[in-house]
Amino acid sequence: MCNCLEFGSLSIKLIILLLQTDDCLIKPPVKKNTIPIDLKLHNDIRAVERARFAHQVVEKRRLIKQYKMERERQQKLEEQEEIKRLRNEPIPKVQLMPYFDRPFVPRRSEKQPTVPREPKFCIPRHKTIRCCRMSCNDMSGPSQLPHQ
């Protein structure tokens, strides 16, 4: 505590001494304002590189697409020229010469003609539906029922 009192009394004495003198107070030297350094964050650098790369990829895809379209157009032109050339060029078609020494005379076949079979309209018993069998039996009448 005594340090505080001594410090307080010292400062008061110093102030009184300064007020008695007519000399102007010397200002402490002023510090220059600090200029902030432009920070280069890794994220910012990476974003610029990524944008450049994305632009290169887009440009490359555009060039590839343009190259493909040009190649397809060139191929179509070549095919059309080939078709025109083939149409203009007569192609000889081979036709067999007839045999004049032995003319073609059609002969009757020696095979026996096929005998047509009649279709089977009856349905096997195991494939019929039971309710239909009953109704068919009912419809047939009493003539087929055994006599009692």
Protein backbone atom coordinates (compact mmCIF):
# COMPACT_ATOMS: atom_id res chain seq x y z
CA MET A 1 0.00 0.00 0.00
CA CYS A 2 2.82 2.28 0.71
CA ASN A 3 3.92 1.91 -2.91
CA CYS A 4 0.59 3.33 -4.03
CA LEU A 5 0.84 6.31 -1.69
CA GLU A 6 4.37 7.02 -2.71
CA PHE A 7 3.41 6.75 -6.35
CA GLY A 8 0.42 9.05 -5.79
CA SER A 9 2.47 11.65 -3.93
CA LEU A 10 5.22 11.42 -6.53
CA SER A 11 2.81 12.02 -9.38
CA ILE A 12 1.27 14.99 -7.57
CA LYS A 13 4.70 16.50 -6.98
CA LEU A 14 5.58 15.97 -10.62
CA ILE A 15 2.42 17.65 -11.79
CA ILE A 16 3.02 20.66 -9.54
CA LEU A 17 6.58 20.95 -10.75
CA LEU A 18 5.48 20.83 -14.36
CA LEU A 19 2.81 23.47 -13.86
CA GLN A 20 5.30 25.88 -12.31
CA THR A 21 7.59 25.75 -15.31
CA ASP A 22 6.52 27.56 -18.46
CA ASP A 23 8.10 25.09 -20.79
CA CYS A 24 5.68 23.36 -23.08
CA LEU A 25 5.25 19.73 -22.61
CA ILE A 26 7.06 17.51 -25.06
CA LYS A 27 4.72 15.15 -26.78
CA PRO A 28 5.81 11.61 -26.99
CA PRO A 29 6.74 10.55 -30.52
CA VAL A 30 3.65 9.50 -32.48
CA LYS A 31 3.66 5.99 -33.82
CA LYS A 32 2.89 5.63 -37.50
CA ASN A 33 -0.40 4.00 -38.31
CA THR A 34 0.05 0.35 -39.05
CA ILE A 35 -0.79 -0.67 -42.57
CA PRO A 36 -2.52 -4.02 -42.67
CA ILE A 37 -0.78 -6.65 -44.73
CA ASP A 38 -2.84 -8.03 -47.57
CA LEU A 39 -3.47 -11.57 -46.45
CA LYS A 40 -3.27 -14.33 -49.01
CA LEU A 41 -5.32 -17.16 -47.67
CA HIS A 42 -4.82 -20.64 -49.04
CA ASN A 43 -8.57 -20.90 -49.71
CA ASP A 44 -8.46 -17.80 -51.93
CA ILE A 45 -5.46 -19.08 -53.87
CA ARG A 46 -7.12 -22.48 -54.25
CA ALA A 47 -10.36 -20.87 -55.45
CA VAL A 48 -8.51 -18.94 -58.16
CA GLU A 49 -6.66 -22.08 -59.29
CA ARG A 50 -9.90 -24.07 -59.28
CA ALA A 51 -11.68 -21.41 -61.36
CA ARG A 52 -8.81 -21.45 -63.86
CA PHE A 53 -8.95 -25.25 -64.03
CA ALA A 54 -12.74 -25.27 -64.44
CA HIS A 55 -12.40 -22.77 -67.30
CA GLN A 56 -9.77 -24.99 -68.96
CA VAL A 57 -12.04 -28.04 -68.63
CA VAL A 58 -14.99 -26.18 -70.17
CA GLU A 59 -12.79 -24.93 -73.00
CA LYS A 60 -11.41 -28.43 -73.60
CA ARG A 61 -14.89 -29.97 -73.71
CA ARG A 62 -16.04 -27.27 -76.13
CA LEU A 63 -13.07 -27.97 -78.40
CA ILE A 64 -13.68 -31.73 -78.28
CA LYS A 65 -17.35 -31.23 -79.11
CA GLN A 66 -16.46 -28.90 -81.96
CA TYR A 67 -13.89 -31.41 -83.24
CA LYS A 68 -16.44 -34.25 -83.14
CA MET A 69 -19.04 -32.19 -84.98
CA GLU A 70 -16.48 -31.25 -87.63
CA ARG A 71 -15.41 -34.89 -88.00
CA GLU A 72 -19.05 -36.06 -88.33
CA ARG A 73 -19.75 -33.37 -90.91
CA GLN A 74 -16.64 -34.39 -92.86
CA GLN A 75 -17.68 -38.06 -92.67
CA LYS A 76 -21.20 -37.24 -93.93
CA LEU A 77 -19.73 -35.33 -96.86
CA GLU A 78 -17.45 -38.26 -97.72
CA GLU A 79 -20.38 -40.70 -97.53
CA GLN A 80 -22.53 -38.48 -99.76
CA GLU A 81 -19.70 -38.23 -102.31
CA GLU A 82 -19.27 -42.00 -102.21
CA ILE A 83 -23.02 -42.51 -102.75
CA LYS A 84 -23.02 -40.08 -105.68
CA ARG A 85 -20.03 -41.83 -107.19
CA LEU A 86 -21.65 -45.25 -106.82
CA ARG A 87 -24.91 -44.02 -108.34
CA ASN A 88 -23.15 -42.57 -111.35
CA GLU A 89 -21.06 -45.66 -111.87
CA PRO A 90 -23.04 -48.45 -113.57
CA ILE A 91 -22.68 -51.78 -111.84
CA PRO A 92 -22.95 -54.76 -114.15
CA LYS A 93 -25.33 -57.36 -112.81
CA VAL A 94 -24.76 -60.94 -113.78
CA GLN A 95 -27.66 -62.76 -115.42
CA LEU A 96 -27.37 -66.41 -116.17
CA MET A 97 -27.49 -67.37 -119.79
CA PRO A 98 -30.28 -69.76 -120.64
CA TYR A 99 -29.33 -73.24 -121.80
CA PHE A 100 -30.32 -73.33 -125.43
CA ASP A 101 -29.18 -76.88 -126.01
CA ARG A 102 -31.47 -78.32 -123.28
CA PRO A 103 -34.47 -76.11 -122.58
CA PHE A 104 -36.19 -76.16 -119.21
CA VAL A 105 -39.25 -78.40 -119.15
CA PRO A 106 -41.04 -78.61 -115.83
CA ARG A 107 -41.76 -82.17 -114.66
CA ARG A 108 -44.35 -83.50 -112.35
CA SER A 109 -43.11 -84.31 -108.89
CA GLU A 110 -42.63 -87.96 -108.04
CA LYS A 111 -43.54 -87.45 -104.37
CA GLN A 112 -46.90 -88.54 -103.09
CA PRO A 113 -49.25 -85.68 -102.29
CA THR A 114 -49.78 -85.02 -98.60
CA VAL A 115 -52.95 -86.39 -97.09
CA PRO A 116 -54.66 -83.83 -94.90
CA ARG A 117 -55.70 -84.92 -91.41
CA GLU A 118 -58.96 -83.90 -89.91
CA PRO A 119 -58.74 -81.70 -86.81
CA LYS A 120 -59.60 -83.22 -83.44
CA PHE A 121 -62.42 -81.29 -81.88
CA CYS A 122 -63.01 -83.52 -78.89
CA ILE A 123 -61.42 -82.33 -75.67
CA PRO A 124 -59.76 -84.96 -73.49
CA ARG A 125 -61.62 -85.68 -70.26
CA HIS A 126 -58.82 -84.62 -67.94
CA LYS A 127 -58.68 -81.17 -69.57
CA THR A 128 -62.35 -80.35 -69.27
CA ILE A 129 -63.65 -78.27 -66.40
CA ARG A 130 -65.69 -80.25 -63.86
CA CYS A 131 -68.57 -77.83 -63.76
CA CYS A 132 -68.81 -78.06 -67.52
CA ARG A 133 -68.81 -81.87 -67.37
CA MET A 134 -71.66 -81.78 -64.92
CA SER A 135 -73.58 -79.31 -67.01
CA CYS A 136 -72.86 -81.37 -70.12
CA ASN A 137 -74.13 -84.47 -68.34
CA ASP A 138 -77.21 -82.57 -67.17
CA MET A 139 -77.86 -81.35 -70.67
CA SER A 140 -77.50 -84.80 -72.18
CA GLY A 141 -80.72 -85.81 -70.53
CA PRO A 142 -82.02 -88.88 -68.75
CA SER A 143 -81.34 -91.16 -71.66
CA GLN A 144 -77.76 -91.63 -70.60
CA LEU A 145 -78.55 -92.18 -66.93
CA PRO A 146 -78.54 -95.86 -65.87
CA HIS A 147 -81.99 -97.32 -65.34
CA GLN A 148 -82.91 -98.25 -61.82
